[in-house]
Amino acid sequence: MRALTLGLSLLLIAGAGRALAADAENGEALAKRWCTGCHVVSDQQRKGTDMAPSFAAIASQANFNEEKLAFFLLEPHPKMSNMALSRGETKDLAAYIAQQKHHH
Protein backbone atom coordinates (compact mmCIF):
# COMPACT_ATOMS: atom_id res chain seq x y z
CA MET A 1 0.00 0.00 0.00
CA ARG A 2 2.83 2.36 0.85
CA ALA A 3 4.45 1.78 -2.56
CA LEU A 4 1.13 2.52 -4.29
CA THR A 5 0.74 5.79 -2.37
CA LEU A 6 4.30 6.81 -3.22
CA GLY A 7 3.73 5.95 -6.88
CA LEU A 8 0.55 8.01 -7.03
CA SER A 9 2.27 10.92 -5.32
CA LEU A 10 5.06 10.87 -7.89
CA LEU A 11 2.54 10.76 -10.74
CA LEU A 12 0.68 13.74 -9.29
CA ILE A 13 3.90 15.71 -8.88
CA ALA A 14 5.01 14.87 -12.43
CA GLY A 15 1.57 15.81 -13.78
CA ALA A 16 1.60 19.11 -11.90
CA GLY A 17 5.01 19.93 -13.37
CA ARG A 18 3.71 19.39 -16.87
CA ALA A 19 0.61 21.47 -16.13
CA LEU A 20 2.78 24.38 -14.97
CA ALA A 21 5.12 24.21 -17.98
CA ALA A 22 4.33 26.66 -20.76
CA ASP A 23 2.81 25.17 -23.91
CA ALA A 24 4.41 26.85 -26.92
CA GLU A 25 2.03 25.05 -29.32
CA ASN A 26 -0.93 26.65 -27.57
CA GLY A 27 1.02 29.92 -27.68
CA GLU A 28 1.31 29.57 -31.45
CA ALA A 29 -2.46 29.09 -31.77
CA LEU A 30 -3.05 32.16 -29.58
CA ALA A 31 -0.56 34.20 -31.63
CA LYS A 32 -2.25 33.26 -34.89
CA ARG A 33 -5.67 34.16 -33.46
CA TRP A 34 -4.78 37.44 -31.70
CA CYS A 35 -1.50 38.86 -32.95
CA THR A 36 -1.19 38.51 -36.75
CA GLY A 37 -3.08 41.73 -37.43
CA CYS A 38 -0.02 43.69 -36.31
CA HIS A 39 2.90 41.31 -35.65
CA VAL A 40 4.65 38.84 -37.91
CA VAL A 41 4.36 35.84 -35.60
CA SER A 42 6.20 33.18 -37.63
CA ASP A 43 8.50 32.81 -40.59
CA GLN A 44 5.51 31.58 -42.65
CA GLN A 45 3.66 34.90 -42.26
CA ARG A 46 4.49 37.51 -44.86
CA LYS A 47 3.10 40.75 -43.42
CA GLY A 48 2.13 42.51 -40.23
CA THR A 49 2.36 46.28 -39.77
CA ASP A 50 5.37 48.58 -39.67
CA MET A 51 4.31 49.73 -36.19
CA ALA A 52 4.72 46.35 -34.47
CA PRO A 53 7.95 44.34 -34.24
CA SER A 54 7.98 40.73 -35.39
CA PHE A 55 8.03 38.05 -32.72
CA ALA A 56 11.53 37.09 -33.91
CA ALA A 57 12.71 40.68 -33.31
CA ILE A 58 11.13 40.71 -29.84
CA ALA A 59 12.75 37.38 -28.90
CA SER A 60 16.14 38.56 -30.22
CA GLN A 61 16.30 41.65 -27.99
CA ALA A 62 19.27 41.49 -25.62
CA ASN A 63 17.03 42.05 -22.58
CA PHE A 64 14.35 39.52 -23.65
CA ASN A 65 12.87 37.72 -20.67
CA GLU A 66 10.08 35.20 -21.15
CA GLU A 67 8.62 35.70 -17.65
CA LYS A 68 8.57 39.51 -17.96
CA LEU A 69 6.91 39.22 -21.37
CA ALA A 70 4.22 36.90 -19.97
CA PHE A 71 3.55 39.40 -17.17
CA PHE A 72 3.43 42.30 -19.68
CA LEU A 73 0.85 40.42 -21.75
CA LEU A 74 -1.49 40.30 -18.74
CA GLU A 75 -1.79 44.09 -18.77
CA PRO A 76 -3.97 45.94 -21.28
CA HIS A 77 -1.81 47.58 -23.94
CA PRO A 78 -3.31 50.50 -25.91
CA LYS A 79 -2.06 49.31 -29.29
CA MET A 80 -2.97 45.67 -28.74
CA SER A 81 -6.53 44.40 -28.87
CA ASN A 82 -8.02 43.59 -25.50
CA MET A 83 -7.13 39.91 -25.50
CA ALA A 84 -7.94 39.18 -21.84
CA LEU A 85 -5.57 36.22 -21.75
CA SER A 86 -5.24 34.02 -18.69
CA ARG A 87 -1.93 33.75 -16.84
CA GLY A 88 -1.36 30.32 -18.42
CA GLU A 89 -2.11 31.65 -21.90
CA THR A 90 0.35 34.53 -21.52
CA LYS A 91 3.04 32.02 -20.46
CA ASP A 92 2.24 29.89 -23.51
CA LEU A 93 2.39 32.91 -25.80
CA ALA A 94 5.69 34.06 -24.28
CA ALA A 95 7.13 30.54 -24.70
CA TYR A 96 6.12 30.60 -28.37
CA ILE A 97 7.65 34.05 -28.87
CA ALA A 98 10.88 32.84 -27.22
CA GLN A 99 11.09 30.06 -29.82
CA GLN A 100 10.97 32.61 -32.64
CA LYS A 101 14.47 33.89 -31.84
CA HIS A 102 15.85 31.14 -34.04
CA HIS A 103 13.68 32.26 -36.96
CA HIS A 104 14.99 35.83 -37.16
C-alpha atoms as a PDB file:
ATOM      1  CA  MET A   1       0.000   0.000   0.000  1.00  0.00           C
ATOM      2  CA  ARG A   2       2.825   2.364   0.852  1.00  0.00           C
ATOM      3  CA  ALA A   3       4.447   1.775  -2.565  1.00  0.00           C
ATOM      4  CA  LEU A   4       1.134   2.521  -4.288  1.00  0.00           C
ATOM      5  CA  THR A   5       0.738   5.785  -2.365  1.00  0.00           C
ATOM      6  CA  LEU A   6       4.301   6.805  -3.219  1.00  0.00           C
ATOM      7  CA  GLY A   7       3.734   5.948  -6.878  1.00  0.00           C
ATOM      8  CA  LEU A   8       0.547   8.009  -7.032  1.00  0.00           C
ATOM      9  CA  SER A   9       2.272  10.920  -5.325  1.00  0.00           C
ATOM     10  CA  LEU A  10       5.063  10.869  -7.891  1.00  0.00           C
ATOM     11  CA  LEU A  11       2.535  10.759 -10.737  1.00  0.00           C
ATOM     12  CA  LEU A  12       0.677  13.742  -9.293  1.00  0.00           C
ATOM     13  CA  ILE A  13       3.901  15.707  -8.883  1.00  0.00           C
ATOM     14  CA  ALA A  14       5.010  14.874 -12.435  1.00  0.00           C
ATOM     15  CA  GLY A  15       1.569  15.813 -13.778  1.00  0.00           C
ATOM     16  CA  ALA A  16       1.597  19.114 -11.903  1.00  0.00           C
ATOM     17  CA  GLY A  17       5.009  19.930 -13.367  1.00  0.00           C
ATOM     18  CA  ARG A  18       3.706  19.387 -16.868  1.00  0.00           C
ATOM     19  CA  ALA A  19       0.614  21.469 -16.134  1.00  0.00           C
ATOM     20  CA  LEU A  20       2.782  24.377 -14.974  1.00  0.00           C
ATOM     21  CA  ALA A  21       5.120  24.206 -17.981  1.00  0.00           C
ATOM     22  CA  ALA A  22       4.333  26.658 -20.757  1.00  0.00           C
ATOM     23  CA  ASP A  23       2.815  25.172 -23.906  1.00  0.00           C
ATOM     24  CA  ALA A  24       4.407  26.852 -26.921  1.00  0.00           C
ATOM     25  CA  GLU A  25       2.032  25.053 -29.324  1.00  0.00           C
ATOM     26  CA  ASN A  26      -0.934  26.648 -27.574  1.00  0.00           C
ATOM     27  CA  GLY A  27       1.016  29.925 -27.681  1.00  0.00           C
ATOM     28  CA  GLU A  28       1.309  29.572 -31.451  1.00  0.00           C
ATOM     29  CA  ALA A  29      -2.462  29.088 -31.766  1.00  0.00           C
ATOM     30  CA  LEU A  30      -3.046  32.160 -29.580  1.00  0.00           C
ATOM     31  CA  ALA A  31      -0.559  34.198 -31.635  1.00  0.00           C
ATOM     32  CA  LYS A  32      -2.252  33.256 -34.894  1.00  0.00           C
ATOM     33  CA  ARG A  33      -5.666  34.159 -33.457  1.00  0.00           C
ATOM     34  CA  TRP A  34      -4.784  37.437 -31.695  1.00  0.00           C
ATOM     35  CA  CYS A  35      -1.498  38.856 -32.952  1.00  0.00           C
ATOM     36  CA  THR A  36      -1.187  38.510 -36.748  1.00  0.00           C
ATOM     37  CA  GLY A  37      -3.083  41.735 -37.428  1.00  0.00           C
ATOM     38  CA  CYS A  38      -0.016  43.694 -36.312  1.00  0.00           C
ATOM     39  CA  HIS A  39       2.901  41.313 -35.645  1.00  0.00           C
ATOM     40  CA  VAL A  40       4.655  38.843 -37.906  1.00  0.00           C
ATOM     41  CA  VAL A  41       4.361  35.840 -35.599  1.00  0.00           C
ATOM     42  CA  SER A  42       6.201  33.181 -37.629  1.00  0.00           C
ATOM     43  CA  ASP A  43       8.496  32.815 -40.592  1.00  0.00           C
ATOM     44  CA  GLN A  44       5.513  31.579 -42.648  1.00  0.00           C
ATOM     45  CA  GLN A  45       3.664  34.897 -42.260  1.00  0.00           C
ATOM     46  CA  ARG A  46       4.493  37.511 -44.858  1.00  0.00           C
ATOM     47  CA  LYS A  47       3.100  40.748 -43.421  1.00  0.00           C
ATOM     48  CA  GLY A  48       2.135  42.512 -40.227  1.00  0.00           C
ATOM     49  CA  THR A  49       2.361  46.279 -39.772  1.00  0.00           C
ATOM     50  CA  ASP A  50       5.369  48.578 -39.665  1.00  0.00           C
ATOM     51  CA  MET A  51       4.305  49.734 -36.193  1.00  0.00           C
ATOM     52  CA  ALA A  52       4.721  46.354 -34.465  1.00  0.00           C
ATOM     53  CA  PRO A  53       7.949  44.341 -34.236  1.00  0.00           C
ATOM     54  CA  SER A  54       7.982  40.730 -35.388  1.00  0.00           C
ATOM     55  CA  PHE A  55       8.028  38.046 -32.719  1.00  0.00           C
ATOM     56  CA  ALA A  56      11.532  37.089 -33.908  1.00  0.00           C
ATOM     57  CA  ALA A  57      12.706  40.683 -33.311  1.00  0.00           C
ATOM     58  CA  ILE A  58      11.127  40.705 -29.843  1.00  0.00           C
ATOM     59  CA  ALA A  59      12.753  37.380 -28.905  1.00  0.00           C
ATOM     60  CA  SER A  60      16.139  38.561 -30.224  1.00  0.00           C
ATOM     61  CA  GLN A  61      16.302  41.647 -27.990  1.00  0.00           C
ATOM     62  CA  ALA A  62      19.275  41.495 -25.616  1.00  0.00           C
ATOM     63  CA  ASN A  63      17.028  42.050 -22.578  1.00  0.00           C
ATOM     64  CA  PHE A  64      14.354  39.522 -23.654  1.00  0.00           C
ATOM     65  CA  ASN A  65      12.871  37.717 -20.670  1.00  0.00           C
ATOM     66  CA  GLU A  66      10.080  35.196 -21.149  1.00  0.00           C
ATOM     67  CA  GLU A  67       8.620  35.703 -17.650  1.00  0.00           C
ATOM     68  CA  LYS A  68       8.566  39.505 -17.964  1.00  0.00           C
ATOM     69  CA  LEU A  69       6.906  39.220 -21.367  1.00  0.00           C
ATOM     70  CA  ALA A  70       4.218  36.898 -19.973  1.00  0.00           C
ATOM     71  CA  PHE A  71       3.554  39.401 -17.168  1.00  0.00           C
ATOM     72  CA  PHE A  72       3.434  42.296 -19.685  1.00  0.00           C
ATOM     73  CA  LEU A  73       0.849  40.420 -21.750  1.00  0.00           C
ATOM     74  CA  LEU A  74      -1.490  40.297 -18.745  1.00  0.00           C
ATOM     75  CA  GLU A  75      -1.791  44.095 -18.766  1.00  0.00           C
ATOM     76  CA  PRO A  76      -3.971  45.944 -21.284  1.00  0.00           C
ATOM     77  CA  HIS A  77      -1.814  47.584 -23.942  1.00  0.00           C
ATOM     78  CA  PRO A  78      -3.310  50.497 -25.909  1.00  0.00           C
ATOM     79  CA  LYS A  79      -2.057  49.312 -29.290  1.00  0.00           C
ATOM     80  CA  MET A  80      -2.975  45.672 -28.742  1.00  0.00           C
ATOM     81  CA  SER A  81      -6.532  44.402 -28.875  1.00  0.00           C
ATOM     82  CA  ASN A  82      -8.024  43.588 -25.502  1.00  0.00           C
ATOM     83  CA  MET A  83      -7.132  39.906 -25.505  1.00  0.00           C
ATOM     84  CA  ALA A  84      -7.945  39.175 -21.842  1.00  0.00           C
ATOM     85  CA  LEU A  85      -5.567  36.220 -21.755  1.00  0.00           C
ATOM     86  CA  SER A  86      -5.241  34.025 -18.686  1.00  0.00           C
ATOM     87  CA  ARG A  87      -1.934  33.752 -16.836  1.00  0.00           C
ATOM     88  CA  GLY A  88      -1.365  30.324 -18.418  1.00  0.00           C
ATOM     89  CA  GLU A  89      -2.110  31.647 -21.901  1.00  0.00           C
ATOM     90  CA  THR A  90       0.346  34.527 -21.516  1.00  0.00           C
ATOM     91  CA  LYS A  91       3.035  32.021 -20.458  1.00  0.00           C
ATOM     92  CA  ASP A  92       2.238  29.888 -23.506  1.00  0.00           C
ATOM     93  CA  LEU A  93       2.391  32.908 -25.795  1.00  0.00           C
ATOM     94  CA  ALA A  94       5.692  34.064 -24.276  1.00  0.00           C
ATOM     95  CA  ALA A  95       7.126  30.543 -24.704  1.00  0.00           C
ATOM     96  CA  TYR A  96       6.122  30.598 -28.372  1.00  0.00           C
ATOM     97  CA  ILE A  97       7.654  34.050 -28.872  1.00  0.00           C
ATOM     98  CA  ALA A  98      10.875  32.842 -27.219  1.00  0.00           C
ATOM     99  CA  GLN A  99      11.086  30.062 -29.821  1.00  0.00           C
ATOM    100  CA  GLN A 100      10.968  32.614 -32.642  1.00  0.00           C
ATOM    101  CA  LYS A 101      14.467  33.888 -31.836  1.00  0.00           C
ATOM    102  CA  HIS A 102      15.851  31.141 -34.042  1.00  0.00           C
ATOM    103  CA  HIS A 103      13.685  32.257 -36.956  1.00  0.00           C
ATOM    104  CA  HIS A 104      14.990  35.830 -37.156  1.00  0.00           C
END
